[in-house]
């Protein structure tokens, strides 16, 4: 099965979350890309019930990521 190529957005994942993903990767024996894909699918599935437009979802995710990256330590 072929998947489209997209730029990696891993630089938007915090060090703490990346460390958690790595531990989960070791436990599950799944690549991090598969874990991220599963998480994105579940996230989008949750929001489908709200019948949001895709652009609104992208904006919401972008806002969430921006807030995460600008938190005070």
Protein backbone atom coordinates (compact mmCIF):
# COMPACT_ATOMS: atom_id res chain seq x y z
CA UNK A 1 0.00 0.00 0.00
CA UNK A 2 1.43 3.34 -1.02
CA UNK A 3 1.05 6.46 1.11
CA UNK A 4 1.37 10.05 -0.10
CA UNK A 5 4.51 11.87 1.02
CA UNK A 6 4.04 14.85 3.30
CA UNK A 7 6.60 17.01 5.10
CA UNK A 8 7.36 15.63 8.56
CA UNK A 9 5.71 17.72 11.26
CA UNK A 10 7.68 16.12 14.07
CA UNK A 11 9.32 19.42 14.88
CA UNK A 12 5.92 20.48 16.28
CA UNK A 13 5.95 17.62 18.82
CA UNK A 14 7.43 18.55 22.20
CA UNK A 15 10.48 16.70 23.54
CA UNK A 16 8.36 15.28 26.34
CA UNK A 17 5.73 13.93 23.94
CA UNK A 18 8.41 12.56 21.62
CA UNK A 19 9.99 10.73 24.55
CA UNK A 20 6.57 9.28 25.42
CA UNK A 21 6.09 8.21 21.80
CA UNK A 22 9.50 6.53 21.83
CA UNK A 23 8.62 4.57 25.00
CA UNK A 24 5.28 3.57 23.45
CA UNK A 25 7.13 2.52 20.28
CA UNK A 26 9.32 0.21 22.35
CA UNK A 27 6.31 -1.28 24.16
CA UNK A 28 4.13 -1.79 21.09
CA UNK A 29 6.87 -2.51 18.50
CA UNK A 30 5.10 -0.05 16.16
CA UNK A 31 6.99 2.73 14.34
CA UNK A 32 6.39 6.25 15.65
CA UNK A 33 4.87 7.22 12.30
CA UNK A 34 2.21 4.51 12.78
CA UNK A 35 1.49 5.72 16.33
CA UNK A 36 1.13 9.30 15.10
CA UNK A 37 -1.11 8.19 12.23
CA UNK A 38 -3.36 6.30 14.67
CA UNK A 39 -3.54 9.33 16.96
CA UNK A 40 -4.46 11.64 14.08
CA UNK A 41 -7.16 9.21 12.90
CA UNK A 42 -8.68 9.05 16.39
CA UNK A 43 -8.52 12.84 16.76
CA UNK A 44 -10.24 13.42 13.44
CA UNK A 45 -12.84 10.76 14.22
CA UNK A 46 -13.71 12.55 17.48
CA UNK A 47 -14.21 15.81 15.60
CA UNK A 48 -16.24 14.32 12.77
CA UNK A 49 -19.15 14.03 15.17
CA UNK A 50 -19.05 17.81 15.51
CA UNK A 51 -19.41 18.18 11.73
CA UNK A 52 -16.62 20.75 11.63
CA UNK A 53 -15.21 21.86 8.31
CA UNK A 54 -11.65 20.62 7.60
CA UNK A 55 -10.28 24.19 7.59
CA UNK A 56 -11.67 24.75 11.09
CA UNK A 57 -10.00 21.55 12.28
CA UNK A 58 -6.67 22.60 10.79
CA UNK A 59 -6.95 25.99 12.45
CA UNK A 60 -7.83 24.40 15.79
CA UNK A 61 -4.91 21.97 15.61
CA UNK A 62 -2.57 24.79 14.60
CA UNK A 63 -3.80 26.91 17.52
CA UNK A 64 -3.32 23.98 19.92
CA UNK A 65 0.22 23.35 18.68
CA UNK A 66 1.08 27.02 18.83
CA UNK A 67 -0.11 27.26 22.41
CA UNK A 68 1.86 24.14 23.34
CA UNK A 69 5.07 25.54 21.89
CA UNK A 70 4.67 28.88 23.65
CA UNK A 71 4.02 27.62 27.18
CA UNK A 72 6.17 28.95 29.98
CA UNK A 73 8.53 26.32 31.46
